[in-house]
C-alpha atoms as a PDB file:
ATOM      1  CA  MET A   1      25.157 -43.851  93.920  1.00  0.00           C
ATOM      2  CA  MET A   2      28.777 -42.915  93.207  1.00  0.00           C
ATOM      3  CA  PRO A   3      29.834 -43.321  89.551  1.00  0.00           C
ATOM      4  CA  GLY A   4      31.566 -46.690  89.228  1.00  0.00           C
ATOM      5  CA  ALA A   5      30.467 -47.757  92.712  1.00  0.00           C
ATOM      6  CA  MET A   6      29.419 -51.289  93.471  1.00  0.00           C
ATOM      7  CA  GLY A   7      26.991 -52.387  96.133  1.00  0.00           C
ATOM      8  CA  ILE A   8      28.086 -54.914  98.720  1.00  0.00           C
ATOM      9  CA  THR A   9      25.058 -56.635 100.220  1.00  0.00           C
ATOM     10  CA  THR A  10      24.955 -59.012 103.155  1.00  0.00           C
ATOM     11  CA  HIS A  11      22.081 -61.175 104.326  1.00  0.00           C
ATOM     12  CA  VAL A  12      22.437 -62.326 107.925  1.00  0.00           C
ATOM     13  CA  LEU A  13      20.378 -65.298 109.059  1.00  0.00           C
ATOM     14  CA  ASP A  14      19.749 -66.583 112.570  1.00  0.00           C
ATOM     15  CA  THR A  15      20.014 -70.271 111.755  1.00  0.00           C
ATOM     16  CA  SER A  16      18.994 -71.320 115.282  1.00  0.00           C
ATOM     17  CA  ALA A  17      15.652 -69.532 114.827  1.00  0.00           C
ATOM     18  CA  GLY A  18      15.339 -70.122 111.071  1.00  0.00           C
ATOM     19  CA  ARG A  19      14.747 -66.456 110.216  1.00  0.00           C
ATOM     20  CA  PRO A  20      16.574 -63.257 109.182  1.00  0.00           C
ATOM     21  CA  ALA A  21      18.624 -61.575 111.914  1.00  0.00           C
ATOM     22  CA  ALA A  22      17.388 -57.981 112.275  1.00  0.00           C
ATOM     23  CA  GLY A  23      19.344 -55.271 114.099  1.00  0.00           C
ATOM     24  CA  VAL A  24      22.758 -56.973 113.831  1.00  0.00           C
ATOM     25  CA  ALA A  25      25.850 -54.724 113.613  1.00  0.00           C
ATOM     26  CA  VAL A  26      27.739 -55.011 110.299  1.00  0.00           C
ATOM     27  CA  VAL A  27      31.052 -53.375 109.322  1.00  0.00           C
ATOM     28  CA  LEU A  28      32.600 -53.495 105.843  1.00  0.00           C
ATOM     29  CA  GLU A  29      36.379 -53.102 105.896  1.00  0.00           C
ATOM     30  CA  MET A  30      38.954 -52.688 103.115  1.00  0.00           C
ATOM     31  CA  ARG A  31      42.612 -53.689 103.335  1.00  0.00           C
ATOM     32  CA  ARG A  32      44.902 -50.657 103.176  1.00  0.00           C
ATOM     33  CA  GLY A  33      48.474 -51.963 103.286  1.00  0.00           C
ATOM     34  CA  ASP A  34      48.797 -54.097 106.418  1.00  0.00           C
ATOM     35  CA  ALA A  35      45.699 -52.676 108.129  1.00  0.00           C
ATOM     36  CA  TRP A  36      41.924 -52.921 107.700  1.00  0.00           C
ATOM     37  CA  GLU A  37      39.950 -49.673 107.374  1.00  0.00           C
ATOM     38  CA  SER A  38      36.194 -49.341 107.848  1.00  0.00           C
ATOM     39  CA  VAL A  39      34.461 -48.190 104.645  1.00  0.00           C
ATOM     40  CA  GLY A  40      30.892 -48.587 105.897  1.00  0.00           C
ATOM     41  CA  SER A  41      28.859 -49.749 108.854  1.00  0.00           C
ATOM     42  CA  GLY A  42      25.301 -50.060 110.069  1.00  0.00           C
ATOM     43  CA  THR A  43      22.755 -52.611 111.189  1.00  0.00           C
ATOM     44  CA  THR A  44      20.702 -55.170 109.325  1.00  0.00           C
ATOM     45  CA  ASP A  45      17.106 -54.296 108.447  1.00  0.00           C
ATOM     46  CA  ASP A  46      14.022 -56.347 109.397  1.00  0.00           C
ATOM     47  CA  ASP A  47      14.877 -58.822 106.609  1.00  0.00           C
ATOM     48  CA  GLY A  48      18.463 -59.261 107.899  1.00  0.00           C
ATOM     49  CA  ARG A  49      19.970 -57.275 105.016  1.00  0.00           C
ATOM     50  CA  PHE A  50      22.641 -54.562 104.923  1.00  0.00           C
ATOM     51  CA  GLU A  51      24.117 -52.760 101.907  1.00  0.00           C
ATOM     52  CA  VAL A  52      27.033 -50.370 101.468  1.00  0.00           C
ATOM     53  CA  ARG A  53      28.574 -48.907  98.305  1.00  0.00           C
ATOM     54  CA  VAL A  54      32.313 -48.909  97.578  1.00  0.00           C
ATOM     55  CA  SER A  55      34.154 -47.361  94.646  1.00  0.00           C
ATOM     56  CA  ASP A  56      37.571 -49.025  94.921  1.00  0.00           C
ATOM     57  CA  PRO A  57      38.391 -52.634  94.057  1.00  0.00           C
ATOM     58  CA  GLY A  58      40.435 -54.590  96.549  1.00  0.00           C
ATOM     59  CA  ASP A  59      40.426 -56.978  99.464  1.00  0.00           C
ATOM     60  CA  LEU A  60      37.338 -56.540 101.600  1.00  0.00           C
ATOM     61  CA  ARG A  61      35.846 -58.182 104.649  1.00  0.00           C
ATOM     62  CA  VAL A  62      32.498 -58.117 106.352  1.00  0.00           C
ATOM     63  CA  VAL A  63      32.432 -58.241 110.147  1.00  0.00           C
ATOM     64  CA  VAL A  64      29.073 -59.253 111.630  1.00  0.00           C
ATOM     65  CA  SER A  65      28.639 -58.778 115.385  1.00  0.00           C
ATOM     66  CA  ASP A  66      25.715 -59.798 117.537  1.00  0.00           C
ATOM     67  CA  THR A  67      25.768 -59.794 121.335  1.00  0.00           C
ATOM     68  CA  ALA A  68      23.989 -63.163 121.408  1.00  0.00           C
ATOM     69  CA  HIS A  69      26.537 -64.868 119.107  1.00  0.00           C
ATOM     70  CA  GLU A  70      30.247 -64.856 118.255  1.00  0.00           C
ATOM     71  CA  SER A  71      31.402 -62.285 115.734  1.00  0.00           C
ATOM     72  CA  CYS A  72      31.872 -63.610 112.216  1.00  0.00           C
ATOM     73  CA  VAL A  73      34.364 -62.345 109.635  1.00  0.00           C
ATOM     74  CA  ARG A  74      34.109 -63.127 105.927  1.00  0.00           C
ATOM     75  CA  ASP A  75      36.937 -62.070 103.608  1.00  0.00           C
ATOM     76  CA  PHE A  76      36.518 -61.600  99.866  1.00  0.00           C
ATOM     77  CA  SER A  77      38.109 -59.749  96.986  1.00  0.00           C
ATOM     78  CA  ALA A  78      36.612 -57.444  94.390  1.00  0.00           C
ATOM     79  CA  ALA A  79      39.244 -57.331  91.652  1.00  0.00           C
ATOM     80  CA  GLU A  80      37.334 -54.812  89.577  1.00  0.00           C
ATOM     81  CA  VAL A  81      34.488 -52.510  90.479  1.00  0.00           C
ATOM     82  CA  GLY A  82      31.360 -54.165  89.155  1.00  0.00           C
ATOM     83  CA  ALA A  83      32.955 -57.620  88.925  1.00  0.00           C
ATOM     84  CA  PRO A  84      31.451 -60.431  90.989  1.00  0.00           C
ATOM     85  CA  ALA A  85      33.292 -60.890  94.287  1.00  0.00           C
ATOM     86  CA  ALA A  86      34.587 -64.282  95.361  1.00  0.00           C
ATOM     87  CA  ALA A  87      33.716 -64.971  99.007  1.00  0.00           C
ATOM     88  CA  SER A  88      35.519 -67.387 101.260  1.00  0.00           C
ATOM     89  CA  PRO A  89      33.404 -70.515 101.774  1.00  0.00           C
ATOM     90  CA  GLN A  90      33.411 -70.522 105.603  1.00  0.00           C
ATOM     91  CA  PRO A  91      33.047 -67.748 108.188  1.00  0.00           C
ATOM     92  CA  THR A  92      36.006 -67.183 110.511  1.00  0.00           C
ATOM     93  CA  PRO A  93      35.048 -66.780 114.201  1.00  0.00           C
ATOM     94  CA  GLN A  94      36.620 -63.700 115.738  1.00  0.00           C
END
């Protein structure tokens, strides 16, 4: 782990099936000026989880994409590395 890095973890659930969503594409993006830049990507594991480490505080968003469902974007801010992030209460369809 990078010194001062924080882990961003997502847990994606398939609510229609009542179980974790495995193999779903996830991208973590950070706002850089007026644009969003990818700082990590991958797919969820068998338990529907994905984790990426970031070292800079700032405005972040998680983009979850699944071919069977609409993409979902969740914005949040990490004011300080290591500080709890405040997530928006509702996903935004993309």
